[in-house]
Structure formats: C-alpha cells, structure tokens
Amino acid sequence: MKRSTFDALLSFLGGVSWAFVIVGAWVTFQSFVFLGIVPAVMFTFLFIFLAIFLLLVLETMSMARDRNDLIAKQNEMLEEIRESFKNSSENASQE
C-alpha cells in the first residue's frame, strides 16, 4: 500500500511524541524532586496527562485522514455505479 507523506509524517510524530512522553516524564520528575516525592509525582502525572492528550490529537488526525480517504473511495465507486446505471438506462430506452 502506498503511503503518503502526510501518513509518514504522522507516524514519525507519533513515535517522537512517545519518546517525548517518556523522556519528559523523567525530566519533570527529576526537576521537581527537590520539592518532595509527592509533588514530583503529581507534576509528572500532569505532564504525562497533557502529553498523552497531544498524542490523542495526532491519532485523531490520522483517523480523520483514513476516514476521508475511505469516503473518497466510496464516492468514486458510487459515481461509477451511477454512470453504469445511466448507460444501461440509455441503452434500454434506445432499443
């Protein structure tokens, strides 16, 4: 199956985002550990929540793209069916 540049970009950004979540969670925890374990864990969970939300936005974009491609294919098939019906009805009326 042929992949578009947009699909490749979304896949790349998805992978980079997961790496960002992992590294960012560690950096966030290390940055706030001087306040204590509980605040550091809370800030880390907050960071993870926001980062996963952004990941979901990327996934939603990918799913919307897939749905749009599928609808375009269905529309093309429906137009072909309509043309075949038009041609068959024109042939029947001429006979």
C-alpha atoms as a PDB file:
ATOM      1  CA  MET A   1       0.000   0.000   0.000  1.00  0.00           C
ATOM      2  CA  LYS A   2       1.301   3.406  -0.949  1.00  0.00           C
ATOM      3  CA  ARG A   3       1.887   5.740   1.980  1.00  0.00           C
ATOM      4  CA  SER A   4       1.578   9.462   1.583  1.00  0.00           C
ATOM      5  CA  THR A   5       3.981  11.969   3.029  1.00  0.00           C
ATOM      6  CA  PHE A   6       1.286  13.019   5.472  1.00  0.00           C
ATOM      7  CA  ASP A   7       0.945   9.453   6.785  1.00  0.00           C
ATOM      8  CA  ALA A   8       4.709   9.105   7.150  1.00  0.00           C
ATOM      9  CA  LEU A   9       4.856  12.426   8.978  1.00  0.00           C
ATOM     10  CA  LEU A  10       2.075  11.397  11.367  1.00  0.00           C
ATOM     11  CA  SER A  11       3.815   8.089  12.094  1.00  0.00           C
ATOM     12  CA  PHE A  12       7.081   9.874  12.756  1.00  0.00           C
ATOM     13  CA  LEU A  13       5.424  12.429  15.011  1.00  0.00           C
ATOM     14  CA  GLY A  14       3.657   9.637  16.897  1.00  0.00           C
ATOM     15  CA  GLY A  15       6.970   7.924  17.635  1.00  0.00           C
ATOM     16  CA  VAL A  16       8.656  11.160  18.591  1.00  0.00           C
ATOM     17  CA  SER A  17       5.728  12.006  20.851  1.00  0.00           C
ATOM     18  CA  TRP A  18       6.024   8.719  22.746  1.00  0.00           C
ATOM     19  CA  ALA A  19       9.753   9.368  23.206  1.00  0.00           C
ATOM     20  CA  PHE A  20       8.894  12.890  24.388  1.00  0.00           C
ATOM     21  CA  VAL A  21       6.427  11.472  26.932  1.00  0.00           C
ATOM     22  CA  ILE A  22       8.993   9.073  28.368  1.00  0.00           C
ATOM     23  CA  VAL A  23      11.918  11.490  28.477  1.00  0.00           C
ATOM     24  CA  GLY A  24       9.725  14.397  29.553  1.00  0.00           C
ATOM     25  CA  ALA A  25       8.227  12.417  32.431  1.00  0.00           C
ATOM     26  CA  TRP A  26      11.705  11.568  33.681  1.00  0.00           C
ATOM     27  CA  VAL A  27      12.930  15.171  33.337  1.00  0.00           C
ATOM     28  CA  THR A  28       9.783  16.510  35.010  1.00  0.00           C
ATOM     29  CA  PHE A  29      10.190  14.121  37.909  1.00  0.00           C
ATOM     30  CA  GLN A  30      13.873  14.997  38.304  1.00  0.00           C
ATOM     31  CA  SER A  31      13.095  18.725  38.097  1.00  0.00           C
ATOM     32  CA  PHE A  32      10.527  18.661  40.900  1.00  0.00           C
ATOM     33  CA  VAL A  33      12.010  16.021  43.172  1.00  0.00           C
ATOM     34  CA  PHE A  34      13.608  18.786  45.274  1.00  0.00           C
ATOM     35  CA  LEU A  35      10.066  19.684  46.421  1.00  0.00           C
ATOM     36  CA  GLY A  36       9.487  16.125  47.573  1.00  0.00           C
ATOM     37  CA  ILE A  37       8.337  12.862  46.096  1.00  0.00           C
ATOM     38  CA  VAL A  38       4.595  13.591  46.188  1.00  0.00           C
ATOM     39  CA  PRO A  39       4.733  16.947  44.305  1.00  0.00           C
ATOM     40  CA  ALA A  40       7.214  15.492  41.816  1.00  0.00           C
ATOM     41  CA  VAL A  41       4.894  12.560  41.097  1.00  0.00           C
ATOM     42  CA  MET A  42       1.909  14.925  40.783  1.00  0.00           C
ATOM     43  CA  PHE A  43       3.716  17.183  38.302  1.00  0.00           C
ATOM     44  CA  THR A  44       4.915  14.113  36.398  1.00  0.00           C
ATOM     45  CA  PHE A  45       1.354  12.782  36.116  1.00  0.00           C
ATOM     46  CA  LEU A  46       0.181  16.207  34.977  1.00  0.00           C
ATOM     47  CA  PHE A  47       2.877  16.243  32.292  1.00  0.00           C
ATOM     48  CA  ILE A  48       2.002  12.704  31.189  1.00  0.00           C
ATOM     49  CA  PHE A  49      -1.695  13.608  31.013  1.00  0.00           C
ATOM     50  CA  LEU A  50      -1.009  16.634  28.782  1.00  0.00           C
ATOM     51  CA  ALA A  51       1.426  14.739  26.568  1.00  0.00           C
ATOM     52  CA  ILE A  52      -0.948  11.815  26.049  1.00  0.00           C
ATOM     53  CA  PHE A  53      -3.705  14.298  25.204  1.00  0.00           C
ATOM     54  CA  LEU A  54      -1.481  15.646  22.422  1.00  0.00           C
ATOM     55  CA  LEU A  55      -0.833  12.075  21.272  1.00  0.00           C
ATOM     56  CA  LEU A  56      -4.575  11.554  21.036  1.00  0.00           C
ATOM     57  CA  VAL A  57      -4.826  14.666  18.876  1.00  0.00           C
ATOM     58  CA  LEU A  58      -2.269  13.156  16.482  1.00  0.00           C
ATOM     59  CA  GLU A  59      -4.161   9.845  16.412  1.00  0.00           C
ATOM     60  CA  THR A  60      -7.403  11.696  15.742  1.00  0.00           C
ATOM     61  CA  MET A  61      -5.765  13.449  12.797  1.00  0.00           C
ATOM     62  CA  SER A  62      -4.623  10.097  11.437  1.00  0.00           C
ATOM     63  CA  MET A  63      -8.069   8.542  11.835  1.00  0.00           C
ATOM     64  CA  ALA A  64      -9.718  11.555  10.175  1.00  0.00           C
ATOM     65  CA  ARG A  65      -7.319  11.206   7.254  1.00  0.00           C
ATOM     66  CA  ASP A  66      -8.125   7.497   6.916  1.00  0.00           C
ATOM     67  CA  ARG A  67     -11.862   8.195   7.079  1.00  0.00           C
ATOM     68  CA  ASN A  68     -11.537  10.921   4.451  1.00  0.00           C
ATOM     69  CA  ASP A  69      -9.645   8.562   2.124  1.00  0.00           C
ATOM     70  CA  LEU A  70     -12.274   5.864   2.601  1.00  0.00           C
ATOM     71  CA  ILE A  71     -15.132   8.268   1.885  1.00  0.00           C
ATOM     72  CA  ALA A  72     -13.354   9.446  -1.278  1.00  0.00           C
ATOM     73  CA  LYS A  73     -13.014   5.842  -2.491  1.00  0.00           C
ATOM     74  CA  GLN A  74     -16.674   5.128  -1.720  1.00  0.00           C
ATOM     75  CA  ASN A  75     -17.724   8.287  -3.531  1.00  0.00           C
ATOM     76  CA  GLU A  76     -15.721   7.257  -6.588  1.00  0.00           C
ATOM     77  CA  MET A  77     -17.342   3.802  -6.621  1.00  0.00           C
ATOM     78  CA  LEU A  78     -20.823   5.299  -6.251  1.00  0.00           C
ATOM     79  CA  GLU A  79     -20.191   7.616  -9.188  1.00  0.00           C
ATOM     80  CA  GLU A  80     -19.084   4.637 -11.297  1.00  0.00           C
ATOM     81  CA  ILE A  81     -22.262   2.769 -10.334  1.00  0.00           C
ATOM     82  CA  ARG A  82     -24.374   5.802 -11.209  1.00  0.00           C
ATOM     83  CA  GLU A  83     -22.680   6.105 -14.605  1.00  0.00           C
ATOM     84  CA  SER A  84     -23.239   2.412 -15.324  1.00  0.00           C
ATOM     85  CA  PHE A  85     -26.944   2.777 -14.449  1.00  0.00           C
ATOM     86  CA  LYS A  86     -27.209   5.848 -16.671  1.00  0.00           C
ATOM     87  CA  ASN A  87     -25.601   3.995 -19.561  1.00  0.00           C
ATOM     88  CA  SER A  88     -27.794   0.921 -19.101  1.00  0.00           C
ATOM     89  CA  SER A  89     -30.979   3.024 -18.911  1.00  0.00           C
ATOM     90  CA  GLU A  90     -29.975   4.978 -22.023  1.00  0.00           C
ATOM     91  CA  ASN A  91     -29.300   1.724 -23.882  1.00  0.00           C
ATOM     92  CA  ALA A  92     -32.679   0.310 -22.794  1.00  0.00           C
ATOM     93  CA  SER A  93     -34.541   3.453 -23.934  1.00  0.00           C
ATOM     94  CA  GLN A  94     -32.830   3.418 -27.345  1.00  0.00           C
ATOM     95  CA  GLU A  95     -33.884  -0.170 -28.040  1.00  0.00           C
END
